[in-house]
Amino acid sequence: MSTVTQADNRYSVVLEEGVRGWRVIIRDPDGDPVSKRSCSDETEARTYASAVRQHIYWPSEPRFRSYYGLP
């Protein structure tokens, strides 16, 4: 069994509040957005972003990409 550290998975997640509401953006290791999810309010956005952050720490990058359907 191997331990995955944040350095092993270089993806990140960002919250944005816009005119039309909140959205969560997953960024690849180069900082490019690879997934965007609109949320109904700040609570939903923070909850989803928290789950994504947890997943950034747990699996490897290939498994993380597979889980979120990322290229």
Protein backbone atom coordinates (compact mmCIF):
# COMPACT_ATOMS: atom_id res chain seq x y z
CA MET A 1 0.00 0.00 0.00
CA SER A 2 1.37 3.43 -0.92
CA THR A 3 0.62 6.80 0.58
CA VAL A 4 -0.55 9.57 -1.69
CA THR A 5 0.45 13.11 -0.76
CA GLN A 6 -0.78 16.39 -2.17
CA ALA A 7 2.43 16.55 -4.21
CA ASP A 8 1.36 13.32 -5.93
CA ASN A 9 -1.84 14.93 -7.20
CA ARG A 10 -1.30 18.41 -8.61
CA TYR A 11 -4.93 19.23 -9.42
CA SER A 12 -6.64 22.11 -7.61
CA VAL A 13 -10.14 23.43 -7.04
CA VAL A 14 -11.37 27.02 -7.09
CA LEU A 15 -14.67 28.62 -6.06
CA GLU A 16 -16.03 31.57 -8.02
CA GLU A 17 -18.98 33.81 -7.29
CA GLY A 18 -20.36 35.37 -10.42
CA VAL A 19 -23.36 37.30 -11.61
CA ARG A 20 -25.29 34.07 -12.18
CA GLY A 21 -24.28 32.39 -8.93
CA TRP A 22 -21.52 30.14 -7.69
CA ARG A 23 -19.40 27.64 -9.56
CA VAL A 24 -16.61 25.23 -8.75
CA ILE A 25 -13.70 24.85 -11.14
CA ILE A 26 -11.24 21.96 -11.15
CA ARG A 27 -7.86 22.99 -12.57
CA ASP A 28 -5.26 20.64 -14.02
CA PRO A 29 -1.59 20.73 -12.98
CA ASP A 30 -0.94 23.53 -15.52
CA GLY A 31 -3.73 25.65 -13.98
CA ASP A 32 -6.12 25.18 -16.91
CA PRO A 33 -9.80 24.60 -16.07
CA VAL A 34 -10.84 21.03 -16.89
CA SER A 35 -14.22 20.92 -15.14
CA LYS A 36 -16.78 23.54 -14.15
CA ARG A 37 -19.86 22.93 -12.04
CA SER A 38 -22.55 25.53 -11.40
CA CYS A 39 -24.05 25.52 -7.93
CA SER A 40 -27.33 26.90 -6.63
CA ASP A 41 -25.72 28.75 -3.72
CA GLU A 42 -22.53 29.25 -1.72
CA THR A 43 -23.24 26.31 0.60
CA GLU A 44 -23.54 23.85 -2.28
CA ALA A 45 -20.38 25.26 -3.90
CA ARG A 46 -18.35 25.00 -0.70
CA THR A 47 -19.60 21.48 -0.01
CA TYR A 48 -18.72 20.26 -3.50
CA ALA A 49 -15.32 22.02 -3.44
CA SER A 50 -14.57 20.40 -0.08
CA ALA A 51 -15.30 16.95 -1.50
CA VAL A 52 -13.07 17.64 -4.51
CA ARG A 53 -10.25 18.82 -2.20
CA GLN A 54 -10.51 15.58 -0.23
CA HIS A 55 -10.32 13.59 -3.46
CA ILE A 56 -7.24 15.56 -4.51
CA TYR A 57 -5.45 14.26 -1.41
CA TRP A 58 -6.58 10.62 -1.55
CA PRO A 59 -6.13 9.05 -4.99
CA SER A 60 -3.40 9.36 -7.57
CA GLU A 61 -3.82 11.79 -10.48
CA PRO A 62 -4.93 9.02 -12.91
CA ARG A 63 -7.58 7.79 -10.47
CA PHE A 64 -8.71 11.36 -9.72
CA ARG A 65 -9.08 12.05 -13.46
CA SER A 66 -11.08 8.87 -13.90
CA TYR A 67 -13.34 9.63 -10.93
CA TYR A 68 -14.22 13.10 -12.27
CA GLY A 69 -14.18 12.13 -15.97
CA LEU A 70 -11.30 14.47 -16.76
CA PRO A 71 -9.07 14.28 -19.86
